Every structure is written in structure tokens, then in C-alpha cells.
């Protein structure tokens, strides 16, 4: 299958939802959610791991990313509506959810809204809720605040990345590496690097609106209390993560009723790349 051409679902409101599938087509289903920069291609790195573990991995593009239409005014709790529609379309009843970075809150939103269908939750390098932000890096927190309070800030920030992805690919790739911690630089320079670059560029295929909407969305009130979730939640987080620092993960873990936090010697992307098999298995708990 040509990974650059996604499968699509026509939703009831007229939007197109794009997705890809990896792993064992007859396996136990897991839905994987990409980050604030990214697309369905992010989870292609799990194809072999999913096959080996008997997992059917479904990776949708969120609205405005990759091949999915933008959804104006989208809230975090709108995402489980799309996921339910996709699961029904694919004939999937129960499934695990795994979320990377900004995909983490979207995985938790599914656990909140679809408790009878979500069997397990796995988070990797995940964005944490606003109540943990006392532990955030001051610069990162200032940028996040600006995306919420300064009109056009988020759009302008991501527009440059989208332009580079479309017009100056080497500069786009250099911008990703240049803002990364050493363990992530090693991953970008290794076998997974080209896939991660393709994934990030695909997320900007139709511009930056998806990312520009997503970042302030996951940085604002989520619309539900994750501490009230009944699911077991497995978290994988790197001690060298400079995007979502490990103190945030620890603080989030303290809020959850049933959690297993695994701290690794990785950073943001490298935690996913180096632990992707375990991340998938944890979603089946």
C-alpha cells in the first residue's frame, strides 16, 4: 500500500477523515494518535512491532492534518466522536488508545467519552493537563500562553514550518533537529529519521491550521477531569525530554488513580522510537 495515499471516511458533517492501518489486519485493535506536529505516518514506525504482537494499529489524521479536513471550532471532546465513527466504520467494538505528545490528551478524551469501548490507555511523551503547569519550563509555558492569548500567534508560528515543509525541505528538517535534545537528534539521524521527517511534512500537507488549532487546544482546559478516569494508564516519558519535561509527567501521574509511569533515558521522539513495542502493548491493558 502507498502510505502517502490514506484511506478515508466521509463523516456525517461532510468532513473527510483520513487514516492508515499498520500491523496485523486480524489483530487486536489499537488506535494511535499523532502529536501537534505529525500525521498518521508517525505510527508507520510501529508496523513491525504491531505485526509481531498481533495488533491492528489504526492511525487517523486529526482535523486539519494530513488528509483530514479542518474542523472549525473543534474542542478536545469532539475527537472521540470522530474516533467512534471510524471504529464503527471498521467494524471495531473495543480498542486500545495510544497517544504521543499532543495526541495524549486526545487518547484520554476517548477514555473519558468512550469508557465502554476503550480497553487501555498508553501515553508517550504526552502533554499534561493545565493543573500540572507549575512544573513547566518557563519558556515553553510562555509560548503556550501566547498561543492562547495573542491572536494569530499560533497560526504565524506554524505557518513558517508549513512553508518550509512545502518549499525548503532541508531547512524544515534542520529546524526539527535544531530544536531537539541529543537523544532525539540521534533518532533523527538514524533509521527512523526519514519517516519522522515525512510524518511531520505530511501533517502540514494542507497548511498549518491543524497544528495551529491543536496546540492551544491541548494547552487549555480539557473539558474533563483525567483523575476521574477508571482506566489503567501507562505513561512513557524521557528524563531528557525538553518539550514536555519529566516533572510534568510525574505531577500528572500523581493526579491519576491507576497509573504506571516509566521514565527512560530518552527525550521526546526517542522515547517513542525506542519503546514503541511496549507502548503498543500497554494500550491493550
C-alpha atoms as a PDB file:
ATOM      1  CA  UNK A   1       0.000   0.000   0.000  1.00  0.00           C
ATOM      2  CA  UNK A   2       1.194   3.504  -0.834  1.00  0.00           C
ATOM      3  CA  UNK A   3       1.428   5.139   2.595  1.00  0.00           C
ATOM      4  CA  UNK A   4       1.207   8.597   1.038  1.00  0.00           C
ATOM      5  CA  UNK A   5      -2.392   7.862  -0.006  1.00  0.00           C
ATOM      6  CA  UNK A   6      -4.580   7.403   3.073  1.00  0.00           C
ATOM      7  CA  UNK A   7      -7.834   5.575   3.432  1.00  0.00           C
ATOM      8  CA  UNK A   8     -10.716   7.962   4.044  1.00  0.00           C
ATOM      9  CA  UNK A   9     -14.087   8.066   5.777  1.00  0.00           C
ATOM     10  CA  UNK A  10     -16.852  10.548   4.955  1.00  0.00           C
ATOM     11  CA  UNK A  11     -18.208  11.794   8.288  1.00  0.00           C
ATOM     12  CA  UNK A  12     -21.815  12.811   8.914  1.00  0.00           C
ATOM     13  CA  UNK A  13     -20.965  16.525   8.944  1.00  0.00           C
ATOM     14  CA  UNK A  14     -19.404  16.253   5.481  1.00  0.00           C
ATOM     15  CA  UNK A  15     -15.756  16.240   6.581  1.00  0.00           C
ATOM     16  CA  UNK A  16     -13.244  13.682   5.352  1.00  0.00           C
ATOM     17  CA  UNK A  17     -11.294  11.743   7.972  1.00  0.00           C
ATOM     18  CA  UNK A  18      -8.067  10.180   6.698  1.00  0.00           C
ATOM     19  CA  UNK A  19      -6.388   7.184   8.309  1.00  0.00           C
ATOM     20  CA  UNK A  20      -3.903   4.375   7.763  1.00  0.00           C
ATOM     21  CA  UNK A  21      -3.606   0.867   9.177  1.00  0.00           C
ATOM     22  CA  UNK A  22      -0.460  -0.984  10.220  1.00  0.00           C
ATOM     23  CA  UNK A  23       0.414  -4.306  11.773  1.00  0.00           C
ATOM     24  CA  UNK A  24      -1.808  -7.402  11.789  1.00  0.00           C
ATOM     25  CA  UNK A  25      -5.124  -6.758   9.981  1.00  0.00           C
ATOM     26  CA  UNK A  26      -6.724  -9.530  12.070  1.00  0.00           C
ATOM     27  CA  UNK A  27      -5.132  -8.424  15.331  1.00  0.00           C
ATOM     28  CA  UNK A  28      -6.417  -6.707  18.466  1.00  0.00           C
ATOM     29  CA  UNK A  29      -7.195  -3.067  17.577  1.00  0.00           C
ATOM     30  CA  UNK A  30      -5.255  -0.076  18.890  1.00  0.00           C
ATOM     31  CA  UNK A  31      -5.819   3.494  17.738  1.00  0.00           C
ATOM     32  CA  UNK A  32      -2.683   5.643  17.618  1.00  0.00           C
ATOM     33  CA  UNK A  33      -2.845   9.448  17.816  1.00  0.00           C
ATOM     34  CA  UNK A  34      -0.014  11.640  16.499  1.00  0.00           C
ATOM     35  CA  UNK A  35       1.405  14.822  18.034  1.00  0.00           C
ATOM     36  CA  UNK A  36       0.806  18.530  17.428  1.00  0.00           C
ATOM     37  CA  UNK A  37       3.220  18.220  14.508  1.00  0.00           C
ATOM     38  CA  UNK A  38       2.597  14.991  12.618  1.00  0.00           C
ATOM     39  CA  UNK A  39       0.170  12.693  10.881  1.00  0.00           C
ATOM     40  CA  UNK A  40      -0.917   9.067  10.553  1.00  0.00           C
ATOM     41  CA  UNK A  41       2.558   8.267   9.137  1.00  0.00           C
ATOM     42  CA  UNK A  42       4.026   8.649  12.634  1.00  0.00           C
ATOM     43  CA  UNK A  43       2.694   5.215  13.538  1.00  0.00           C
ATOM     44  CA  UNK A  44       4.162   3.502  10.476  1.00  0.00           C
ATOM     45  CA  UNK A  45       7.279   3.042  12.611  1.00  0.00           C
ATOM     46  CA  UNK A  46       5.213   0.553  14.634  1.00  0.00           C
ATOM     47  CA  UNK A  47       4.276  -1.642  11.664  1.00  0.00           C
ATOM     48  CA  UNK A  48       6.657  -4.483  12.527  1.00  0.00           C
ATOM     49  CA  UNK A  49       6.117  -4.181  16.280  1.00  0.00           C
ATOM     50  CA  UNK A  50       2.353  -4.295  15.793  1.00  0.00           C
ATOM     51  CA  UNK A  51       2.601  -7.310  13.478  1.00  0.00           C
ATOM     52  CA  UNK A  52       4.814  -9.186  15.941  1.00  0.00           C
ATOM     53  CA  UNK A  53       2.345  -8.509  18.768  1.00  0.00           C
ATOM     54  CA  UNK A  54      -0.829  -9.326  16.854  1.00  0.00           C
ATOM     55  CA  UNK A  55      -2.051  -5.717  16.914  1.00  0.00           C
ATOM     56  CA  UNK A  56      -4.179  -3.989  14.297  1.00  0.00           C
ATOM     57  CA  UNK A  57      -2.943  -0.405  14.506  1.00  0.00           C
ATOM     58  CA  UNK A  58      -5.323   2.285  13.218  1.00  0.00           C
ATOM     59  CA  UNK A  59      -3.772   5.746  12.812  1.00  0.00           C
ATOM     60  CA  UNK A  60      -6.112   8.632  11.925  1.00  0.00           C
ATOM     61  CA  UNK A  61      -5.135  12.162  10.924  1.00  0.00           C
ATOM     62  CA  UNK A  62      -6.797  14.693  13.222  1.00  0.00           C
ATOM     63  CA  UNK A  63      -8.790  17.508  11.577  1.00  0.00           C
ATOM     64  CA  UNK A  64      -6.533  19.791   9.549  1.00  0.00           C
ATOM     65  CA  UNK A  65      -3.630  17.332   9.498  1.00  0.00           C
ATOM     66  CA  UNK A  66      -2.550  15.212   6.540  1.00  0.00           C
ATOM     67  CA  UNK A  67      -5.588  14.121   4.586  1.00  0.00           C
ATOM     68  CA  UNK A  68      -8.279  15.093   7.114  1.00  0.00           C
ATOM     69  CA  UNK A  69     -10.451  18.164   6.644  1.00  0.00           C
ATOM     70  CA  UNK A  70     -10.136  21.001   9.142  1.00  0.00           C
ATOM     71  CA  UNK A  71     -12.902  21.281  11.758  1.00  0.00           C
ATOM     72  CA  UNK A  72     -13.634  24.851  12.759  1.00  0.00           C
ATOM     73  CA  UNK A  73     -14.173  25.385  16.486  1.00  0.00           C
ATOM     74  CA  UNK A  74     -13.031  21.872  17.397  1.00  0.00           C
ATOM     75  CA  UNK A  75     -12.833  21.026  21.106  1.00  0.00           C
ATOM     76  CA  UNK A  76     -10.883  18.164  22.641  1.00  0.00           C
ATOM     77  CA  UNK A  77     -14.059  16.191  23.321  1.00  0.00           C
ATOM     78  CA  UNK A  78     -15.061  16.390  19.654  1.00  0.00           C
ATOM     79  CA  UNK A  79     -12.296  13.908  18.822  1.00  0.00           C
ATOM     80  CA  UNK A  80     -13.962  10.832  20.398  1.00  0.00           C
ATOM     81  CA  UNK A  81     -16.948  11.458  18.101  1.00  0.00           C
ATOM     82  CA  UNK A  82     -14.690  11.019  15.066  1.00  0.00           C
ATOM     83  CA  UNK A  83     -12.960   8.009  16.614  1.00  0.00           C
ATOM     84  CA  UNK A  84     -16.291   6.324  17.335  1.00  0.00           C
ATOM     85  CA  UNK A  85     -17.366   6.867  13.729  1.00  0.00           C
ATOM     86  CA  UNK A  86     -14.112   5.402  12.424  1.00  0.00           C
ATOM     87  CA  UNK A  87     -14.286   2.395  14.760  1.00  0.00           C
ATOM     88  CA  UNK A  88     -17.870   1.724  13.675  1.00  0.00           C
ATOM     89  CA  UNK A  89     -16.857   2.046  10.017  1.00  0.00           C
ATOM     90  CA  UNK A  90     -14.078  -0.506  10.517  1.00  0.00           C
ATOM     91  CA  UNK A  91     -16.280  -2.901  12.497  1.00  0.00           C
ATOM     92  CA  UNK A  92     -14.234  -2.430  15.667  1.00  0.00           C
ATOM     93  CA  UNK A  93     -16.020  -2.673  19.022  1.00  0.00           C
ATOM     94  CA  UNK A  94     -13.324  -2.390  21.712  1.00  0.00           C
ATOM     95  CA  UNK A  95      -9.842  -0.987  21.219  1.00  0.00           C
ATOM     96  CA  UNK A  96      -6.826   0.435  22.982  1.00  0.00           C
ATOM     97  CA  UNK A  97      -5.654   4.005  22.524  1.00  0.00           C
ATOM     98  CA  UNK A  98      -2.083   5.307  22.370  1.00  0.00           C
ATOM     99  CA  UNK A  99      -1.166   8.976  22.195  1.00  0.00           C
ATOM    100  CA  UNK A 100       2.138  10.704  21.521  1.00  0.00           C
ATOM    101  CA  UNK A 101       2.749  14.262  22.779  1.00  0.00           C
ATOM    102  CA  UNK A 102      -0.361  16.288  21.831  1.00  0.00           C
ATOM    103  CA  UNK A 103      -2.061  13.008  20.955  1.00  0.00           C
ATOM    104  CA  UNK A 104      -2.015  12.079  24.643  1.00  0.00           C
ATOM    105  CA  UNK A 105      -4.907  14.342  25.673  1.00  0.00           C
ATOM    106  CA  UNK A 106      -6.870  13.036  22.688  1.00  0.00           C
ATOM    107  CA  UNK A 107      -6.330   9.447  23.866  1.00  0.00           C
ATOM    108  CA  UNK A 108      -7.539  10.390  27.346  1.00  0.00           C
ATOM    109  CA  UNK A 109     -10.557  12.161  25.843  1.00  0.00           C
ATOM    110  CA  UNK A 110     -11.519   8.867  24.193  1.00  0.00           C
ATOM    111  CA  UNK A 111     -11.185   7.026  27.507  1.00  0.00           C
ATOM    112  CA  UNK A 112     -13.458   9.646  29.076  1.00  0.00           C
ATOM    113  CA  UNK A 113     -16.129   9.709  26.364  1.00  0.00           C
ATOM    114  CA  UNK A 114     -15.988   6.052  25.243  1.00  0.00           C
ATOM    115  CA  UNK A 115     -15.280   4.183  28.507  1.00  0.00           C
ATOM    116  CA  UNK A 116     -17.096   1.036  27.414  1.00  0.00           C
ATOM    117  CA  UNK A 117     -15.053   0.790  24.201  1.00  0.00           C
ATOM    118  CA  UNK A 118     -11.552   1.802  25.308  1.00  0.00           C
ATOM    119  CA  UNK A 119      -9.723  -1.116  26.891  1.00  0.00           C
ATOM    120  CA  UNK A 120      -6.404   0.552  27.773  1.00  0.00           C
ATOM    121  CA  UNK A 121      -4.540   3.847  27.519  1.00  0.00           C
ATOM    122  CA  UNK A 122      -0.862   4.284  26.661  1.00  0.00           C
ATOM    123  CA  UNK A 123       0.780   7.718  26.663  1.00  0.00           C
ATOM    124  CA  UNK A 124       4.247   8.544  25.368  1.00  0.00           C
ATOM    125  CA  UNK A 125       5.902  11.954  25.835  1.00  0.00           C
ATOM    126  CA  UNK A 126       2.360  13.178  26.445  1.00  0.00           C
ATOM    127  CA  UNK A 127       1.192  16.729  27.027  1.00  0.00           C
ATOM    128  CA  UNK A 128      -0.181  17.057  30.557  1.00  0.00           C
ATOM    129  CA  UNK A 129      -3.246  18.975  31.801  1.00  0.00           C
ATOM    130  CA  UNK A 130      -3.200  22.647  32.847  1.00  0.00           C
ATOM    131  CA  UNK A 131      -3.235  21.803  36.558  1.00  0.00           C
ATOM    132  CA  UNK A 132       0.319  20.423  36.263  1.00  0.00           C
ATOM    133  CA  UNK A 133       1.783  23.521  34.603  1.00  0.00           C
ATOM    134  CA  UNK A 134       3.547  24.808  37.734  1.00  0.00           C
ATOM    135  CA  UNK A 135       6.230  22.310  36.714  1.00  0.00           C
ATOM    136  CA  UNK A 136       6.544  23.534  33.113  1.00  0.00           C
ATOM    137  CA  UNK A 137       9.629  25.111  31.597  1.00  0.00           C
ATOM    138  CA  UNK A 138       9.045  28.910  31.783  1.00  0.00           C
ATOM    139  CA  UNK A 139       9.859  29.498  28.110  1.00  0.00           C
ATOM    140  CA  UNK A 140       7.626  26.673  26.878  1.00  0.00           C
ATOM    141  CA  UNK A 141       4.835  27.886  29.149  1.00  0.00           C
ATOM    142  CA  UNK A 142       5.174  31.446  27.834  1.00  0.00           C
ATOM    143  CA  UNK A 143       4.886  30.188  24.248  1.00  0.00           C
ATOM    144  CA  UNK A 144       1.835  28.111  25.138  1.00  0.00           C
ATOM    145  CA  UNK A 145       0.215  31.096  26.851  1.00  0.00           C
ATOM    146  CA  UNK A 146       0.875  33.209  23.749  1.00  0.00           C
ATOM    147  CA  UNK A 147      -0.902  30.673  21.514  1.00  0.00           C
ATOM    148  CA  UNK A 148      -3.999  31.105  23.670  1.00  0.00           C
ATOM    149  CA  UNK A 149      -3.929  34.845  24.333  1.00  0.00           C
ATOM    150  CA  UNK A 150      -2.255  36.528  21.344  1.00  0.00           C
ATOM    151  CA  UNK A 151      -4.462  36.485  18.216  1.00  0.00           C
ATOM    152  CA  UNK A 152      -2.669  34.911  15.285  1.00  0.00           C
ATOM    153  CA  UNK A 153       0.406  33.843  17.259  1.00  0.00           C
ATOM    154  CA  UNK A 154      -0.122  30.099  16.848  1.00  0.00           C
ATOM    155  CA  UNK A 155      -1.045  30.449  13.182  1.00  0.00           C
ATOM    156  CA  UNK A 156       2.055  32.529  12.445  1.00  0.00           C
ATOM    157  CA  UNK A 157       4.361  30.167  14.322  1.00  0.00           C
ATOM    158  CA  UNK A 158       3.233  27.092  12.434  1.00  0.00           C
ATOM    159  CA  UNK A 159       2.831  28.836   9.075  1.00  0.00           C
ATOM    160  CA  UNK A 160       6.595  29.137   8.806  1.00  0.00           C
ATOM    161  CA  UNK A 161       7.037  25.406   9.442  1.00  0.00           C
ATOM    162  CA  UNK A 162       4.385  24.564   6.875  1.00  0.00           C
ATOM    163  CA  UNK A 163       6.047  26.799   4.280  1.00  0.00           C
ATOM    164  CA  UNK A 164       9.441  25.203   4.904  1.00  0.00           C
ATOM    165  CA  UNK A 165       7.949  21.709   4.657  1.00  0.00           C
ATOM    166  CA  UNK A 166       6.496  22.545   1.252  1.00  0.00           C
ATOM    167  CA  UNK A 167       9.232  24.768  -0.203  1.00  0.00           C
ATOM    168  CA  UNK A 168      12.545  24.201   1.591  1.00  0.00           C
ATOM    169  CA  UNK A 169      12.607  20.620   2.868  1.00  0.00           C
ATOM    170  CA  UNK A 170      16.264  20.601   4.051  1.00  0.00           C
ATOM    171  CA  UNK A 171      15.598  23.716   6.136  1.00  0.00           C
ATOM    172  CA  UNK A 172      12.431  22.146   7.510  1.00  0.00           C
ATOM    173  CA  UNK A 173      14.302  19.040   8.594  1.00  0.00           C
ATOM    174  CA  UNK A 174      17.103  21.147  10.060  1.00  0.00           C
ATOM    175  CA  UNK A 175      14.547  23.109  12.089  1.00  0.00           C
ATOM    176  CA  UNK A 176      13.232  19.898  13.652  1.00  0.00           C
ATOM    177  CA  UNK A 177      16.699  18.653  14.532  1.00  0.00           C
ATOM    178  CA  UNK A 178      17.915  22.048  15.717  1.00  0.00           C
ATOM    179  CA  UNK A 179      15.263  22.295  18.423  1.00  0.00           C
ATOM    180  CA  UNK A 180      15.754  18.727  19.683  1.00  0.00           C
ATOM    181  CA  UNK A 181      17.626  17.255  22.631  1.00  0.00           C
ATOM    182  CA  UNK A 182      20.607  14.975  21.960  1.00  0.00           C
ATOM    183  CA  UNK A 183      18.705  11.644  22.186  1.00  0.00           C
ATOM    184  CA  UNK A 184      16.199  12.907  19.625  1.00  0.00           C
ATOM    185  CA  UNK A 185      18.964  14.146  17.324  1.00  0.00           C
ATOM    186  CA  UNK A 186      20.354  10.612  17.348  1.00  0.00           C
ATOM    187  CA  UNK A 187      16.943   9.244  16.353  1.00  0.00           C
ATOM    188  CA  UNK A 188      16.570  11.789  13.529  1.00  0.00           C
ATOM    189  CA  UNK A 189      19.998  10.737  12.297  1.00  0.00           C
ATOM    190  CA  UNK A 190      19.127   7.022  12.437  1.00  0.00           C
ATOM    191  CA  UNK A 191      16.841   4.615  10.548  1.00  0.00           C
ATOM    192  CA  UNK A 192      13.658   6.252  11.904  1.00  0.00           C
ATOM    193  CA  UNK A 193      14.683   9.751  10.863  1.00  0.00           C
ATOM    194  CA  UNK A 194      13.320   9.799   7.317  1.00  0.00           C
ATOM    195  CA  UNK A 195       9.938   8.502   8.486  1.00  0.00           C
ATOM    196  CA  UNK A 196       9.745  11.177  11.185  1.00  0.00           C
ATOM    197  CA  UNK A 197      10.567  13.883   8.643  1.00  0.00           C
ATOM    198  CA  UNK A 198       7.949  12.536   6.223  1.00  0.00           C
ATOM    199  CA  UNK A 199       5.407  12.358   9.032  1.00  0.00           C
ATOM    200  CA  UNK A 200       5.965  15.973  10.081  1.00  0.00           C
ATOM    201  CA  UNK A 201       5.792  17.234   6.493  1.00  0.00           C
ATOM    202  CA  UNK A 202       2.616  15.242   5.816  1.00  0.00           C
ATOM    203  CA  UNK A 203       0.963  16.885   8.803  1.00  0.00           C
ATOM    204  CA  UNK A 204       1.431  20.227   7.030  1.00  0.00           C
ATOM    205  CA  UNK A 205       0.256  18.928   3.647  1.00  0.00           C
ATOM    206  CA  UNK A 206      -2.697  21.328   3.524  1.00  0.00           C
ATOM    207  CA  UNK A 207      -1.130  24.077   5.623  1.00  0.00           C
ATOM    208  CA  UNK A 208      -0.724  24.795   9.306  1.00  0.00           C
ATOM    209  CA  UNK A 209      -4.307  25.122  10.540  1.00  0.00           C
ATOM    210  CA  UNK A 210      -4.323  21.705  12.206  1.00  0.00           C
ATOM    211  CA  UNK A 211      -1.244  22.372  14.330  1.00  0.00           C
ATOM    212  CA  UNK A 212      -2.191  26.000  14.974  1.00  0.00           C
ATOM    213  CA  UNK A 213      -5.527  24.859  16.402  1.00  0.00           C
ATOM    214  CA  UNK A 214      -4.177  21.799  18.206  1.00  0.00           C
ATOM    215  CA  UNK A 215      -1.515  23.423  20.392  1.00  0.00           C
ATOM    216  CA  UNK A 216      -3.719  25.914  22.279  1.00  0.00           C
ATOM    217  CA  UNK A 217      -6.422  23.227  22.423  1.00  0.00           C
ATOM    218  CA  UNK A 218      -4.296  20.720  24.365  1.00  0.00           C
ATOM    219  CA  UNK A 219      -2.873  23.563  26.468  1.00  0.00           C
ATOM    220  CA  UNK A 220      -6.312  24.753  27.637  1.00  0.00           C
ATOM    221  CA  UNK A 221      -8.919  23.183  29.889  1.00  0.00           C
ATOM    222  CA  UNK A 222      -9.633  19.712  28.557  1.00  0.00           C
ATOM    223  CA  UNK A 223     -13.328  19.648  29.434  1.00  0.00           C
ATOM    224  CA  UNK A 224     -12.999  16.611  31.697  1.00  0.00           C
ATOM    225  CA  UNK A 225     -11.049  15.566  34.776  1.00  0.00           C
ATOM    226  CA  UNK A 226      -8.488  12.864  33.906  1.00  0.00           C
ATOM    227  CA  UNK A 227      -8.169  11.938  37.586  1.00  0.00           C
ATOM    228  CA  UNK A 228     -11.705  10.508  37.379  1.00  0.00           C
ATOM    229  CA  UNK A 229     -10.849   8.008  34.636  1.00  0.00           C
ATOM    230  CA  UNK A 230     -11.286   4.378  35.648  1.00  0.00           C
ATOM    231  CA  UNK A 231      -8.817   3.008  33.087  1.00  0.00           C
ATOM    232  CA  UNK A 232      -5.287   1.971  33.899  1.00  0.00           C
ATOM    233  CA  UNK A 233      -2.952   4.466  32.221  1.00  0.00           C
ATOM    234  CA  UNK A 234       0.598   3.598  31.211  1.00  0.00           C
ATOM    235  CA  UNK A 235       2.943   6.546  30.679  1.00  0.00           C
ATOM    236  CA  UNK A 236       6.344   6.506  28.970  1.00  0.00           C
ATOM    237  CA  UNK A 237       8.430   9.635  29.377  1.00  0.00           C
ATOM    238  CA  UNK A 238      12.039  10.596  28.805  1.00  0.00           C
ATOM    239  CA  UNK A 239      14.195  12.128  31.507  1.00  0.00           C
ATOM    240  CA  UNK A 240      15.813  14.265  28.786  1.00  0.00           C
ATOM    241  CA  UNK A 241      12.513  15.490  27.309  1.00  0.00           C
ATOM    242  CA  UNK A 242      12.763  19.253  26.831  1.00  0.00           C
ATOM    243  CA  UNK A 243       9.358  19.619  25.148  1.00  0.00           C
ATOM    244  CA  UNK A 244       7.307  18.146  27.997  1.00  0.00           C
ATOM    245  CA  UNK A 245       9.718  17.885  30.894  1.00  0.00           C
ATOM    246  CA  UNK A 246       9.589  14.816  33.158  1.00  0.00           C
ATOM    247  CA  UNK A 247       8.452  16.835  36.185  1.00  0.00           C
ATOM    248  CA  UNK A 248       5.192  17.425  34.325  1.00  0.00           C
ATOM    249  CA  UNK A 249       4.799  13.677  33.799  1.00  0.00           C
ATOM    250  CA  UNK A 250       5.467  12.996  37.475  1.00  0.00           C
ATOM    251  CA  UNK A 251       2.942  15.636  38.524  1.00  0.00           C
ATOM    252  CA  UNK A 252       0.365  14.192  36.137  1.00  0.00           C
ATOM    253  CA  UNK A 253       0.990  10.690  37.411  1.00  0.00           C
ATOM    254  CA  UNK A 254       0.282  11.902  40.948  1.00  0.00           C
ATOM    255  CA  UNK A 255      -3.181  13.022  39.814  1.00  0.00           C
ATOM    256  CA  UNK A 256      -4.191   9.686  38.285  1.00  0.00           C
ATOM    257  CA  UNK A 257      -5.811   6.859  40.219  1.00  0.00           C
ATOM    258  CA  UNK A 258      -4.284   3.924  38.320  1.00  0.00           C
ATOM    259  CA  UNK A 259      -1.027   4.752  36.538  1.00  0.00           C
ATOM    260  CA  UNK A 260       2.324   3.211  35.725  1.00  0.00           C
ATOM    261  CA  UNK A 261       4.945   5.836  34.846  1.00  0.00           C
ATOM    262  CA  UNK A 262       8.072   4.527  33.106  1.00  0.00           C
ATOM    263  CA  UNK A 263      10.900   7.071  32.947  1.00  0.00           C
ATOM    264  CA  UNK A 264      13.550   6.335  30.329  1.00  0.00           C
ATOM    265  CA  UNK A 265      16.892   7.880  29.372  1.00  0.00           C
ATOM    266  CA  UNK A 266      15.350   9.281  26.197  1.00  0.00           C
ATOM    267  CA  UNK A 267      13.898  12.642  25.146  1.00  0.00           C
ATOM    268  CA  UNK A 268      10.658  13.450  23.258  1.00  0.00           C
ATOM    269  CA  UNK A 269      10.649  11.489  19.972  1.00  0.00           C
ATOM    270  CA  UNK A 270      13.252   8.984  21.125  1.00  0.00           C
ATOM    271  CA  UNK A 271      11.038   7.750  23.965  1.00  0.00           C
ATOM    272  CA  UNK A 272       8.518   6.682  21.343  1.00  0.00           C
ATOM    273  CA  UNK A 273      11.022   5.259  18.858  1.00  0.00           C
ATOM    274  CA  UNK A 274      12.961   3.264  21.462  1.00  0.00           C
ATOM    275  CA  UNK A 275       9.920   1.937  23.355  1.00  0.00           C
ATOM    276  CA  UNK A 276       7.272   1.665  20.656  1.00  0.00           C
ATOM    277  CA  UNK A 277       6.562  -2.031  21.121  1.00  0.00           C
ATOM    278  CA  UNK A 278       5.899  -1.574  24.838  1.00  0.00           C
ATOM    279  CA  UNK A 279       3.773   1.497  24.111  1.00  0.00           C
ATOM    280  CA  UNK A 280       1.501  -0.575  21.875  1.00  0.00           C
ATOM    281  CA  UNK A 281       1.222  -3.492  24.302  1.00  0.00           C
ATOM    282  CA  UNK A 282       0.298  -1.169  27.151  1.00  0.00           C
ATOM    283  CA  UNK A 283      -2.697   0.100  25.194  1.00  0.00           C
ATOM    284  CA  UNK A 284      -4.228  -3.375  25.450  1.00  0.00           C
ATOM    285  CA  UNK A 285      -4.280  -3.466  29.270  1.00  0.00           C
END
